[in-house]
Amino acid sequence: MRVADWLTGDDREVAWRGDQRLMLSAMHRQVVALRQRLAAQPGSHWALCFDDSYRFCVALLACWYAGKTPVMPGHCRAALLDERQDRLDGVLCDMPLAVSL
């Protein structure tokens, strides 16, 4: 199955956040919006630092769609990301970070 096929089809639940149902159509819109932002950015290697698994999935799919290489650094401490800044072009995250890439 192609990645593009994952985001098509019926409007169905793909995740839950408490009592809130997260639908495929909303995920698709979020992936497309982030892909557009990523495509406009230089560089190819983007660190993904997420506590929320749904947001991680959105970022991962958007990276793939934009032709970027997602990097999972293992730890999302600012010091670790700063050490790897020569191998990273950007950071996508859902937490506050003070990183100087």
N, C-alpha and C. Protein backbone atom coordinates (compact mmCIF):
# COMPACT_ATOMS: atom_id res chain seq x y z
N MET A 1 0.84 -1.18 0.00
CA MET A 1 0.00 0.00 0.00
C MET A 1 0.89 1.25 0.00
N ARG A 2 0.54 2.20 -0.83
CA ARG A 2 1.28 3.46 -0.90
C ARG A 2 0.90 4.37 0.27
N VAL A 3 1.83 5.25 0.67
CA VAL A 3 1.56 6.20 1.76
C VAL A 3 0.34 7.04 1.42
N ALA A 4 0.21 7.45 0.16
CA ALA A 4 -0.93 8.27 -0.25
C ALA A 4 -2.26 7.56 0.02
N ASP A 5 -2.27 6.24 -0.07
CA ASP A 5 -3.49 5.47 0.17
C ASP A 5 -3.90 5.48 1.64
N TRP A 6 -2.96 5.72 2.54
CA TRP A 6 -3.29 5.75 3.97
C TRP A 6 -4.22 6.90 4.30
N LEU A 7 -4.14 7.96 3.51
CA LEU A 7 -4.88 9.18 3.83
C LEU A 7 -6.09 9.38 2.93
N THR A 8 -6.60 8.32 2.35
CA THR A 8 -7.78 8.42 1.51
C THR A 8 -8.83 7.45 2.03
N GLY A 9 -10.02 7.60 1.52
CA GLY A 9 -11.08 6.68 1.92
C GLY A 9 -12.11 7.35 2.79
N ASP A 10 -12.87 6.53 3.46
CA ASP A 10 -13.95 7.02 4.31
C ASP A 10 -13.43 7.89 5.44
N ASP A 11 -14.33 8.74 5.92
CA ASP A 11 -14.00 9.55 7.09
C ASP A 11 -14.14 8.66 8.32
N ARG A 12 -13.03 8.19 8.79
CA ARG A 12 -13.05 7.25 9.92
C ARG A 12 -12.12 7.73 11.02
N GLU A 13 -12.31 7.15 12.18
CA GLU A 13 -11.48 7.49 13.32
C GLU A 13 -10.09 6.91 13.13
N VAL A 14 -9.08 7.73 13.41
CA VAL A 14 -7.70 7.24 13.33
C VAL A 14 -7.02 7.29 14.69
N ALA A 15 -7.59 8.06 15.61
CA ALA A 15 -7.00 8.17 16.95
C ALA A 15 -8.03 8.78 17.88
N TRP A 16 -7.70 8.75 19.16
CA TRP A 16 -8.56 9.34 20.18
C TRP A 16 -7.69 10.13 21.14
N ARG A 17 -8.24 11.24 21.60
CA ARG A 17 -7.58 12.06 22.61
C ARG A 17 -8.63 12.30 23.70
N GLY A 18 -8.56 11.48 24.72
CA GLY A 18 -9.61 11.52 25.74
C GLY A 18 -10.92 11.04 25.11
N ASP A 19 -11.95 11.88 25.18
CA ASP A 19 -13.24 11.56 24.57
C ASP A 19 -13.33 12.05 23.13
N GLN A 20 -12.34 12.78 22.68
CA GLN A 20 -12.36 13.36 21.33
C GLN A 20 -11.90 12.33 20.30
N ARG A 21 -12.71 12.16 19.27
CA ARG A 21 -12.34 11.29 18.16
C ARG A 21 -11.57 12.11 17.13
N LEU A 22 -10.45 11.63 16.67
CA LEU A 22 -9.65 12.31 15.65
C LEU A 22 -9.90 11.57 14.34
N MET A 23 -10.39 12.31 13.35
CA MET A 23 -10.85 11.71 12.12
C MET A 23 -9.79 11.78 11.02
N LEU A 24 -9.89 10.85 10.09
CA LEU A 24 -8.96 10.77 8.97
C LEU A 24 -8.95 12.05 8.14
N SER A 25 -10.13 12.64 7.91
CA SER A 25 -10.19 13.85 7.10
C SER A 25 -9.41 15.00 7.75
N ALA A 26 -9.49 15.13 9.07
CA ALA A 26 -8.73 16.17 9.76
C ALA A 26 -7.24 15.88 9.70
N MET A 27 -6.88 14.61 9.88
CA MET A 27 -5.47 14.24 9.80
C MET A 27 -4.92 14.55 8.41
N HIS A 28 -5.70 14.26 7.38
CA HIS A 28 -5.27 14.54 6.01
C HIS A 28 -5.02 16.03 5.82
N ARG A 29 -5.93 16.86 6.29
CA ARG A 29 -5.75 18.32 6.16
C ARG A 29 -4.49 18.78 6.89
N GLN A 30 -4.25 18.24 8.08
CA GLN A 30 -3.07 18.63 8.85
C GLN A 30 -1.78 18.18 8.17
N VAL A 31 -1.78 16.99 7.61
CA VAL A 31 -0.60 16.49 6.90
C VAL A 31 -0.31 17.37 5.69
N VAL A 32 -1.33 17.69 4.91
CA VAL A 32 -1.14 18.51 3.72
C VAL A 32 -0.63 19.90 4.09
N ALA A 33 -1.20 20.50 5.14
CA ALA A 33 -0.76 21.84 5.56
C ALA A 33 0.70 21.83 6.01
N LEU A 34 1.08 20.84 6.80
CA LEU A 34 2.47 20.76 7.25
C LEU A 34 3.41 20.42 6.10
N ARG A 35 2.97 19.58 5.18
CA ARG A 35 3.79 19.26 4.01
C ARG A 35 4.11 20.52 3.21
N GLN A 36 3.12 21.38 3.04
CA GLN A 36 3.34 22.62 2.30
C GLN A 36 4.37 23.50 3.00
N ARG A 37 4.28 23.58 4.32
CA ARG A 37 5.25 24.38 5.08
C ARG A 37 6.65 23.78 4.98
N LEU A 38 6.74 22.45 5.09
CA LEU A 38 8.04 21.78 5.00
C LEU A 38 8.64 21.92 3.61
N ALA A 39 7.82 21.78 2.58
CA ALA A 39 8.31 21.86 1.20
C ALA A 39 8.93 23.23 0.92
N ALA A 40 8.48 24.25 1.61
CA ALA A 40 9.00 25.60 1.41
C ALA A 40 10.29 25.85 2.18
N GLN A 41 10.70 24.90 3.01
CA GLN A 41 11.90 25.06 3.83
C GLN A 41 13.10 24.38 3.19
N PRO A 42 14.28 24.99 3.30
CA PRO A 42 15.48 24.33 2.78
C PRO A 42 15.88 23.16 3.69
N GLY A 43 16.73 22.33 3.19
CA GLY A 43 17.25 21.22 3.98
C GLY A 43 16.35 20.01 3.91
N SER A 44 16.92 18.88 4.30
CA SER A 44 16.17 17.63 4.15
C SER A 44 16.00 16.84 5.44
N HIS A 45 16.83 17.04 6.43
CA HIS A 45 16.79 16.21 7.64
C HIS A 45 16.11 16.97 8.79
N TRP A 46 14.96 16.45 9.20
CA TRP A 46 14.14 17.11 10.22
C TRP A 46 13.94 16.18 11.41
N ALA A 47 14.32 16.66 12.58
CA ALA A 47 14.13 15.89 13.82
C ALA A 47 12.65 15.96 14.21
N LEU A 48 12.11 14.82 14.61
CA LEU A 48 10.73 14.74 15.09
C LEU A 48 10.76 14.49 16.59
N CYS A 49 10.28 15.46 17.36
CA CYS A 49 10.30 15.38 18.83
C CYS A 49 8.88 15.59 19.35
N PHE A 50 8.18 14.50 19.56
CA PHE A 50 6.77 14.57 19.94
C PHE A 50 6.47 13.68 21.13
N ASP A 51 5.68 14.21 22.05
CA ASP A 51 5.11 13.41 23.13
C ASP A 51 3.80 12.77 22.65
N ASP A 52 3.09 13.46 21.78
CA ASP A 52 1.78 13.03 21.30
C ASP A 52 1.95 12.17 20.04
N SER A 53 1.50 10.92 20.10
CA SER A 53 1.72 9.99 18.98
C SER A 53 0.93 10.39 17.73
N TYR A 54 -0.23 11.00 17.89
CA TYR A 54 -1.00 11.47 16.73
C TYR A 54 -0.23 12.56 16.00
N ARG A 55 0.26 13.54 16.75
CA ARG A 55 1.03 14.63 16.13
C ARG A 55 2.31 14.10 15.49
N PHE A 56 2.92 13.10 16.12
CA PHE A 56 4.10 12.46 15.52
C PHE A 56 3.74 11.86 14.17
N CYS A 57 2.61 11.17 14.08
CA CYS A 57 2.18 10.57 12.81
C CYS A 57 1.96 11.63 11.74
N VAL A 58 1.32 12.73 12.11
CA VAL A 58 1.09 13.82 11.17
C VAL A 58 2.43 14.34 10.65
N ALA A 59 3.38 14.58 11.54
CA ALA A 59 4.69 15.10 11.14
C ALA A 59 5.45 14.10 10.29
N LEU A 60 5.40 12.82 10.64
CA LEU A 60 6.09 11.79 9.87
C LEU A 60 5.55 11.71 8.45
N LEU A 61 4.23 11.66 8.30
CA LEU A 61 3.63 11.61 6.97
C LEU A 61 3.94 12.87 6.18
N ALA A 62 3.89 14.04 6.83
CA ALA A 62 4.19 15.29 6.14
C ALA A 62 5.63 15.33 5.65
N CYS A 63 6.56 14.83 6.46
CA CYS A 63 7.96 14.75 6.04
C CYS A 63 8.09 13.89 4.79
N TRP A 64 7.49 12.72 4.82
CA TRP A 64 7.58 11.83 3.66
C TRP A 64 6.98 12.47 2.42
N TYR A 65 5.80 13.08 2.57
CA TYR A 65 5.15 13.74 1.43
C TYR A 65 6.00 14.88 0.88
N ALA A 66 6.70 15.59 1.75
CA ALA A 66 7.51 16.74 1.33
C ALA A 66 8.89 16.32 0.81
N GLY A 67 9.18 15.03 0.84
CA GLY A 67 10.48 14.55 0.38
C GLY A 67 11.59 14.80 1.39
N LYS A 68 11.23 15.00 2.64
CA LYS A 68 12.22 15.22 3.70
C LYS A 68 12.54 13.90 4.38
N THR A 69 13.66 13.87 5.08
CA THR A 69 14.08 12.69 5.83
C THR A 69 13.77 12.92 7.30
N PRO A 70 12.81 12.18 7.86
CA PRO A 70 12.53 12.33 9.29
C PRO A 70 13.63 11.67 10.12
N VAL A 71 14.02 12.33 11.20
CA VAL A 71 15.06 11.82 12.09
C VAL A 71 14.46 11.72 13.49
N MET A 72 14.56 10.55 14.09
CA MET A 72 14.11 10.36 15.47
C MET A 72 15.36 10.33 16.34
N PRO A 73 15.65 11.44 17.03
CA PRO A 73 16.92 11.55 17.75
C PRO A 73 17.02 10.69 19.02
N GLY A 74 15.95 10.10 19.46
CA GLY A 74 16.00 9.29 20.68
C GLY A 74 15.63 10.11 21.90
N HIS A 75 16.30 11.21 22.10
CA HIS A 75 15.97 12.14 23.18
C HIS A 75 15.75 13.50 22.55
N CYS A 76 14.86 14.26 23.09
CA CYS A 76 14.57 15.58 22.53
C CYS A 76 15.04 16.70 23.44
N ARG A 77 16.12 16.44 24.14
CA ARG A 77 16.72 17.50 24.95
C ARG A 77 17.40 18.49 24.02
N ALA A 78 17.27 19.75 24.34
CA ALA A 78 17.85 20.80 23.51
C ALA A 78 19.36 20.61 23.35
N ALA A 79 20.05 20.19 24.40
CA ALA A 79 21.50 20.00 24.32
C ALA A 79 21.86 18.93 23.30
N LEU A 80 21.11 17.84 23.27
CA LEU A 80 21.37 16.77 22.30
C LEU A 80 21.13 17.25 20.88
N LEU A 81 20.04 17.99 20.67
CA LEU A 81 19.75 18.51 19.34
C LEU A 81 20.80 19.52 18.90
N ASP A 82 21.27 20.34 19.83
CA ASP A 82 22.35 21.29 19.50
C ASP A 82 23.62 20.55 19.08
N GLU A 83 23.92 19.43 19.75
CA GLU A 83 25.11 18.64 19.38
C GLU A 83 25.00 18.08 17.97
N ARG A 84 23.79 17.82 17.53
CA ARG A 84 23.57 17.21 16.21
C ARG A 84 23.18 18.24 15.15
N GLN A 85 23.35 19.51 15.44
CA GLN A 85 22.87 20.53 14.52
C GLN A 85 23.53 20.47 13.15
N ASP A 86 24.73 19.91 13.05
CA ASP A 86 25.38 19.80 11.74
C ASP A 86 24.72 18.72 10.88
N ARG A 87 23.89 17.86 11.49
CA ARG A 87 23.20 16.80 10.75
C ARG A 87 21.69 17.02 10.66
N LEU A 88 21.21 18.12 11.22
CA LEU A 88 19.78 18.42 11.20
C LEU A 88 19.53 19.76 10.53
N ASP A 89 18.46 19.82 9.76
CA ASP A 89 18.08 21.08 9.12
C ASP A 89 16.93 21.77 9.83
N GLY A 90 16.25 21.04 10.70
CA GLY A 90 15.13 21.62 11.43
C GLY A 90 14.58 20.64 12.44
N VAL A 91 13.68 21.15 13.27
CA VAL A 91 13.05 20.35 14.32
C VAL A 91 11.55 20.59 14.26
N LEU A 92 10.78 19.52 14.29
CA LEU A 92 9.33 19.58 14.45
C LEU A 92 9.03 19.01 15.82
N CYS A 93 8.24 19.74 16.63
CA CYS A 93 7.99 19.25 17.98
C CYS A 93 6.67 19.78 18.51
N ASP A 94 6.22 19.16 19.59
CA ASP A 94 5.01 19.61 20.27
C ASP A 94 5.32 20.01 21.71
N MET A 95 6.57 20.38 21.94
CA MET A 95 7.00 20.79 23.28
C MET A 95 7.93 21.99 23.14
N PRO A 96 8.04 22.81 24.16
CA PRO A 96 8.95 23.95 24.06
C PRO A 96 10.41 23.49 24.06
N LEU A 97 11.17 23.96 23.09
CA LEU A 97 12.60 23.66 22.99
C LEU A 97 13.34 24.93 22.65
N ALA A 98 14.51 25.09 23.21
CA ALA A 98 15.38 26.20 22.85
C ALA A 98 16.56 25.62 22.10
N VAL A 99 16.41 25.53 20.79
CA VAL A 99 17.43 24.90 19.94
C VAL A 99 17.91 25.93 18.94
N SER A 100 19.20 25.96 18.69
CA SER A 100 19.77 26.95 17.77
C SER A 100 20.27 26.28 16.49
N LEU A 101 19.35 25.75 15.69
CA LEU A 101 19.76 25.13 14.41
C LEU A 101 19.86 26.18 13.34
